[in-house]
Amino acid sequence: MVSLDTFANMFVVVVVGPACLWLGATRMLRSPGPPAPVHGPVWVVRLWGVDYALAGLFLAAEAMGRMAGEGWEWPSAAMLWISTPLLLASVLISGAFWWKERRGGRTAGRGASHEEPLRP
């Protein structure tokens, strides 16, 4: 009988890791694929794609180390120090572009021309 821990490690290695890698690679290449939670300039979406692909690789490496019976520490450290800052940066930058785009489309109210943008 397979223990729950072994099954969870196998699931991460076989399903979750490759799925993260695939989703990140499709966003890096900007090929038509599943919708990305990050929108904005090309470099922001690609940054998120690189991060997601790295997270999938590190997650699969950590699960393989646990399956081998060795406690590999480098995948966890890499996720903490490489993947997490990239993820936070891409999401924050995407939010800033979304906010700028949202604020740029507003008009001044009654009587304002809808063709001219507001001047500061």
Protein backbone atom coordinates (compact mmCIF):
# COMPACT_ATOMS: atom_id res chain seq x y z
CA MET A 1 0.00 0.00 0.00
CA VAL A 2 1.30 3.44 -0.93
CA SER A 3 1.41 5.98 1.88
CA LEU A 4 -0.24 9.36 1.52
CA ASP A 5 3.12 11.15 1.69
CA THR A 6 4.51 9.09 -1.20
CA PHE A 7 1.35 9.68 -3.22
CA ALA A 8 1.53 13.43 -2.61
CA ASN A 9 5.18 13.52 -3.72
CA MET A 10 4.35 11.54 -6.86
CA PHE A 11 1.45 13.88 -7.63
CA VAL A 12 3.72 16.93 -7.32
CA VAL A 13 6.42 15.40 -9.52
CA VAL A 14 4.07 14.02 -12.19
CA VAL A 15 1.31 16.66 -12.31
CA VAL A 16 1.98 19.93 -10.50
CA GLY A 17 5.63 20.50 -11.47
CA PRO A 18 5.14 19.91 -15.22
CA ALA A 19 1.88 21.90 -15.18
CA CYS A 20 3.66 24.91 -13.64
CA LEU A 21 6.47 24.53 -16.15
CA TRP A 22 4.01 24.33 -19.06
CA LEU A 23 1.99 27.34 -17.93
CA GLY A 24 5.13 29.40 -17.37
CA ALA A 25 6.60 28.41 -20.74
CA THR A 26 3.43 29.34 -22.61
CA ARG A 27 3.48 32.78 -20.98
CA MET A 28 7.19 33.24 -21.73
CA LEU A 29 6.63 32.49 -25.41
CA ARG A 30 3.33 34.44 -25.50
CA SER A 31 1.72 31.58 -27.38
CA PRO A 32 -2.05 31.32 -27.26
CA GLY A 33 -2.76 29.33 -24.17
CA PRO A 34 -4.62 29.57 -20.93
CA PRO A 35 -5.32 33.05 -19.63
CA ALA A 36 -2.59 34.41 -17.40
CA PRO A 37 -3.41 36.12 -14.13
CA VAL A 38 -0.81 38.75 -15.01
CA HIS A 39 -1.48 41.26 -17.78
CA GLY A 40 0.51 44.21 -18.97
CA PRO A 41 3.59 44.76 -21.10
CA VAL A 42 5.30 41.79 -22.67
CA TRP A 43 8.25 41.88 -20.27
CA VAL A 44 5.97 41.69 -17.21
CA VAL A 45 4.11 38.66 -18.55
CA ARG A 46 7.39 36.99 -19.50
CA LEU A 47 8.84 37.72 -16.06
CA TRP A 48 5.83 35.99 -14.52
CA GLY A 49 6.26 33.10 -16.97
CA VAL A 50 9.93 32.64 -16.08
CA ASP A 51 9.06 32.70 -12.40
CA TYR A 52 6.24 30.20 -12.75
CA ALA A 53 8.45 27.83 -14.76
CA LEU A 54 11.21 28.09 -12.13
CA ALA A 55 8.70 27.46 -9.36
CA GLY A 56 7.54 24.30 -11.13
CA LEU A 57 11.11 23.05 -11.51
CA PHE A 58 12.00 23.78 -7.88
CA LEU A 59 8.78 22.18 -6.64
CA ALA A 60 9.39 19.01 -8.66
CA ALA A 61 13.05 18.87 -7.51
CA GLU A 62 12.03 19.20 -3.88
CA ALA A 63 9.45 16.41 -4.22
CA MET A 64 11.98 14.15 -5.98
CA GLY A 65 14.45 14.73 -3.16
CA ARG A 66 11.82 13.75 -0.61
CA MET A 67 10.99 10.63 -2.61
CA ALA A 68 14.66 9.67 -2.72
CA GLY A 69 14.78 9.89 1.06
CA GLU A 70 17.15 12.83 1.10
CA GLY A 71 16.20 16.21 2.49
CA TRP A 72 17.35 18.54 -0.25
CA GLU A 73 17.42 22.10 1.01
CA TRP A 74 18.40 23.93 -2.16
CA PRO A 75 14.98 23.74 -3.90
CA SER A 76 13.27 25.32 -0.90
CA ALA A 77 15.94 28.02 -0.65
CA ALA A 78 15.73 28.70 -4.39
CA MET A 79 11.95 29.04 -4.19
CA LEU A 80 12.30 31.42 -1.25
CA TRP A 81 15.08 33.63 -2.62
CA ILE A 82 14.52 33.46 -6.41
CA SER A 83 10.95 32.51 -7.20
CA THR A 84 9.10 34.46 -4.51
CA PRO A 85 10.68 37.89 -5.24
CA LEU A 86 10.12 37.42 -8.98
CA LEU A 87 6.49 36.48 -8.39
CA LEU A 88 5.85 39.42 -6.10
CA ALA A 89 7.59 41.83 -8.47
CA SER A 90 5.64 40.67 -11.51
CA VAL A 91 2.29 40.81 -9.71
CA LEU A 92 2.98 44.26 -8.22
CA ILE A 93 4.20 45.67 -11.54
CA SER A 94 1.18 44.20 -13.32
CA GLY A 95 -1.10 45.79 -10.71
CA ALA A 96 0.63 49.15 -11.21
CA PHE A 97 0.08 48.98 -14.96
CA TRP A 98 -3.54 47.94 -14.42
CA TRP A 99 -4.06 50.89 -12.03
CA LYS A 100 -2.43 53.32 -14.45
CA GLU A 101 -4.56 52.03 -17.32
CA ARG A 102 -7.71 52.24 -15.21
CA ARG A 103 -7.00 55.78 -14.01
CA GLY A 104 -6.02 56.99 -17.46
CA GLY A 105 -9.44 56.21 -18.90
CA ARG A 106 -11.47 58.41 -16.55
CA THR A 107 -13.08 61.66 -17.58
CA ALA A 108 -13.62 64.84 -15.56
CA GLY A 109 -17.37 64.44 -15.13
CA ARG A 110 -20.28 66.43 -16.61
CA GLY A 111 -19.42 68.39 -19.70
CA ALA A 112 -16.01 66.82 -20.15
CA SER A 113 -14.99 65.71 -23.58
CA HIS A 114 -14.66 61.97 -23.89
CA GLU A 115 -12.10 62.28 -26.67
CA GLU A 116 -9.51 64.30 -24.76
CA PRO A 117 -7.69 62.79 -21.78
CA LEU A 118 -7.46 64.78 -18.57
CA ARG A 119 -4.46 66.99 -18.06
CA PRO A 120 -2.82 67.05 -14.64
